[in-house]
């Protein structure tokens, strides 16, 4: 086997591992963030004094609604399809050999 191919494959593997590590490090803070499950033992003084707060909805609490998740999934699928088509066309153009006049 050509030593350049070996080096190229090794470089591709190391790049993939580095990208996976970077993705894991980028997502770790969000994955490890948590809210307390149990309420505090005594309600805060403001709740006792003024009563419970108003009803909150997903936009205020920070959760993603289902249409946002669906929109992100559709956008990711479209971007993936565009990248695949561009890569296919670039590869096809690279493999095309012009005819030579003999």
C-alpha atoms as a PDB file:
ATOM      1  CA  UNK A   1       0.000   0.000   0.000  1.00  0.00           C
ATOM      2  CA  UNK A   2       1.167   3.462  -0.808  1.00  0.00           C
ATOM      3  CA  UNK A   3       2.492   5.250   2.325  1.00  0.00           C
ATOM      4  CA  UNK A   4       0.657   8.418   1.336  1.00  0.00           C
ATOM      5  CA  UNK A   5      -2.671   6.556   1.485  1.00  0.00           C
ATOM      6  CA  UNK A   6      -1.816   5.287   4.943  1.00  0.00           C
ATOM      7  CA  UNK A   7      -1.009   8.798   6.111  1.00  0.00           C
ATOM      8  CA  UNK A   8      -4.180  10.121   4.487  1.00  0.00           C
ATOM      9  CA  UNK A   9      -6.370   7.510   6.153  1.00  0.00           C
ATOM     10  CA  UNK A  10      -4.736   8.125   9.509  1.00  0.00           C
ATOM     11  CA  UNK A  11      -5.283  11.860   9.096  1.00  0.00           C
ATOM     12  CA  UNK A  12      -8.956  11.297   8.240  1.00  0.00           C
ATOM     13  CA  UNK A  13      -9.444   9.085  11.293  1.00  0.00           C
ATOM     14  CA  UNK A  14      -7.752  11.588  13.601  1.00  0.00           C
ATOM     15  CA  UNK A  15      -9.793  14.448  12.143  1.00  0.00           C
ATOM     16  CA  UNK A  16     -13.016  12.518  12.697  1.00  0.00           C
ATOM     17  CA  UNK A  17     -12.065  11.733  16.279  1.00  0.00           C
ATOM     18  CA  UNK A  18     -11.140  15.374  16.901  1.00  0.00           C
ATOM     19  CA  UNK A  19     -14.498  16.508  15.483  1.00  0.00           C
ATOM     20  CA  UNK A  20     -16.352  14.013  17.677  1.00  0.00           C
ATOM     21  CA  UNK A  21     -14.419  15.208  20.729  1.00  0.00           C
ATOM     22  CA  UNK A  22     -15.140  18.853  19.885  1.00  0.00           C
ATOM     23  CA  UNK A  23     -18.845  18.089  19.471  1.00  0.00           C
ATOM     24  CA  UNK A  24     -18.905  16.267  22.797  1.00  0.00           C
ATOM     25  CA  UNK A  25     -17.172  19.141  24.565  1.00  0.00           C
ATOM     26  CA  UNK A  26     -19.544  21.667  22.991  1.00  0.00           C
ATOM     27  CA  UNK A  27     -22.649  19.728  24.038  1.00  0.00           C
ATOM     28  CA  UNK A  28     -21.484  18.654  27.498  1.00  0.00           C
ATOM     29  CA  UNK A  29     -22.524  21.823  29.396  1.00  0.00           C
ATOM     30  CA  UNK A  30     -26.064  21.613  28.028  1.00  0.00           C
ATOM     31  CA  UNK A  31     -26.294  17.882  28.671  1.00  0.00           C
ATOM     32  CA  UNK A  32     -25.123  18.201  32.255  1.00  0.00           C
ATOM     33  CA  UNK A  33     -27.251  21.219  33.112  1.00  0.00           C
ATOM     34  CA  UNK A  34     -30.186  20.315  35.309  1.00  0.00           C
ATOM     35  CA  UNK A  35     -32.923  21.972  37.232  1.00  0.00           C
ATOM     36  CA  UNK A  36     -33.730  20.815  40.732  1.00  0.00           C
ATOM     37  CA  UNK A  37     -36.360  18.082  40.671  1.00  0.00           C
ATOM     38  CA  UNK A  38     -37.802  18.611  44.109  1.00  0.00           C
ATOM     39  CA  UNK A  39     -39.137  21.991  45.204  1.00  0.00           C
ATOM     40  CA  UNK A  40     -37.283  23.783  47.977  1.00  0.00           C
ATOM     41  CA  UNK A  41     -38.404  22.880  51.520  1.00  0.00           C
ATOM     42  CA  UNK A  42     -40.074  26.246  52.116  1.00  0.00           C
ATOM     43  CA  UNK A  43     -41.464  28.613  49.479  1.00  0.00           C
ATOM     44  CA  UNK A  44     -39.634  31.892  49.006  1.00  0.00           C
ATOM     45  CA  UNK A  45     -40.936  34.922  50.847  1.00  0.00           C
ATOM     46  CA  UNK A  46     -42.195  36.558  47.633  1.00  0.00           C
ATOM     47  CA  UNK A  47     -44.484  33.622  46.859  1.00  0.00           C
ATOM     48  CA  UNK A  48     -45.928  33.667  50.367  1.00  0.00           C
ATOM     49  CA  UNK A  49     -46.411  37.420  50.308  1.00  0.00           C
ATOM     50  CA  UNK A  50     -47.767  37.953  46.782  1.00  0.00           C
ATOM     51  CA  UNK A  51     -49.142  34.534  45.857  1.00  0.00           C
ATOM     52  CA  UNK A  52     -48.042  32.260  43.046  1.00  0.00           C
ATOM     53  CA  UNK A  53     -46.686  33.721  39.816  1.00  0.00           C
ATOM     54  CA  UNK A  54     -48.614  33.922  36.583  1.00  0.00           C
ATOM     55  CA  UNK A  55     -48.921  30.971  34.233  1.00  0.00           C
ATOM     56  CA  UNK A  56     -45.847  30.558  32.039  1.00  0.00           C
ATOM     57  CA  UNK A  57     -45.655  29.029  28.585  1.00  0.00           C
ATOM     58  CA  UNK A  58     -42.839  27.412  26.608  1.00  0.00           C
ATOM     59  CA  UNK A  59     -41.527  30.677  25.216  1.00  0.00           C
ATOM     60  CA  UNK A  60     -40.810  31.978  28.702  1.00  0.00           C
ATOM     61  CA  UNK A  61     -39.514  28.793  30.268  1.00  0.00           C
ATOM     62  CA  UNK A  62     -37.027  28.142  27.462  1.00  0.00           C
ATOM     63  CA  UNK A  63     -38.283  24.797  26.184  1.00  0.00           C
ATOM     64  CA  UNK A  64     -38.445  24.107  22.453  1.00  0.00           C
ATOM     65  CA  UNK A  65     -41.837  23.589  20.954  1.00  0.00           C
ATOM     66  CA  UNK A  66     -42.444  20.751  18.508  1.00  0.00           C
ATOM     67  CA  UNK A  67     -42.647  22.984  15.436  1.00  0.00           C
ATOM     68  CA  UNK A  68     -39.182  24.372  16.182  1.00  0.00           C
ATOM     69  CA  UNK A  69     -37.754  20.873  16.441  1.00  0.00           C
ATOM     70  CA  UNK A  70     -39.447  19.874  13.184  1.00  0.00           C
ATOM     71  CA  UNK A  71     -38.141  23.002  11.461  1.00  0.00           C
ATOM     72  CA  UNK A  72     -34.585  22.251  12.581  1.00  0.00           C
ATOM     73  CA  UNK A  73     -34.879  18.650  11.365  1.00  0.00           C
ATOM     74  CA  UNK A  74     -36.192  19.723   7.952  1.00  0.00           C
ATOM     75  CA  UNK A  75     -33.481  22.362   7.580  1.00  0.00           C
ATOM     76  CA  UNK A  76     -30.786  19.823   8.489  1.00  0.00           C
ATOM     77  CA  UNK A  77     -32.162  17.371   5.909  1.00  0.00           C
ATOM     78  CA  UNK A  78     -32.164  20.034   3.194  1.00  0.00           C
ATOM     79  CA  UNK A  79     -28.616  21.131   4.018  1.00  0.00           C
ATOM     80  CA  UNK A  80     -27.450  17.520   4.003  1.00  0.00           C
ATOM     81  CA  UNK A  81     -29.061  16.903   0.609  1.00  0.00           C
ATOM     82  CA  UNK A  82     -27.483  20.037  -0.871  1.00  0.00           C
ATOM     83  CA  UNK A  83     -24.039  19.078   0.426  1.00  0.00           C
ATOM     84  CA  UNK A  84     -24.429  15.546  -0.957  1.00  0.00           C
ATOM     85  CA  UNK A  85     -25.421  16.845  -4.409  1.00  0.00           C
ATOM     86  CA  UNK A  86     -22.528  19.312  -4.480  1.00  0.00           C
ATOM     87  CA  UNK A  87     -20.056  16.617  -3.428  1.00  0.00           C
ATOM     88  CA  UNK A  88     -21.405  14.248  -6.100  1.00  0.00           C
ATOM     89  CA  UNK A  89     -21.116  16.885  -8.813  1.00  0.00           C
ATOM     90  CA  UNK A  90     -17.612  17.876  -7.723  1.00  0.00           C
ATOM     91  CA  UNK A  91     -16.508  14.254  -7.787  1.00  0.00           C
ATOM     92  CA  UNK A  92     -18.124  13.659 -11.195  1.00  0.00           C
ATOM     93  CA  UNK A  93     -16.444  16.759 -12.631  1.00  0.00           C
ATOM     94  CA  UNK A  94     -13.086  15.670 -11.281  1.00  0.00           C
ATOM     95  CA  UNK A  95     -13.341  12.197 -12.823  1.00  0.00           C
ATOM     96  CA  UNK A  96     -14.325  13.501 -16.267  1.00  0.00           C
ATOM     97  CA  UNK A  97     -11.394  13.351 -18.693  1.00  0.00           C
ATOM     98  CA  UNK A  98     -11.360  15.584 -21.764  1.00  0.00           C
ATOM     99  CA  UNK A  99     -10.973  13.866 -25.106  1.00  0.00           C
ATOM    100  CA  UNK A 100      -7.612  14.360 -26.781  1.00  0.00           C
ATOM    101  CA  UNK A 101      -7.083  14.661 -30.499  1.00  0.00           C
ATOM    102  CA  UNK A 102      -4.573  12.125 -31.696  1.00  0.00           C
END
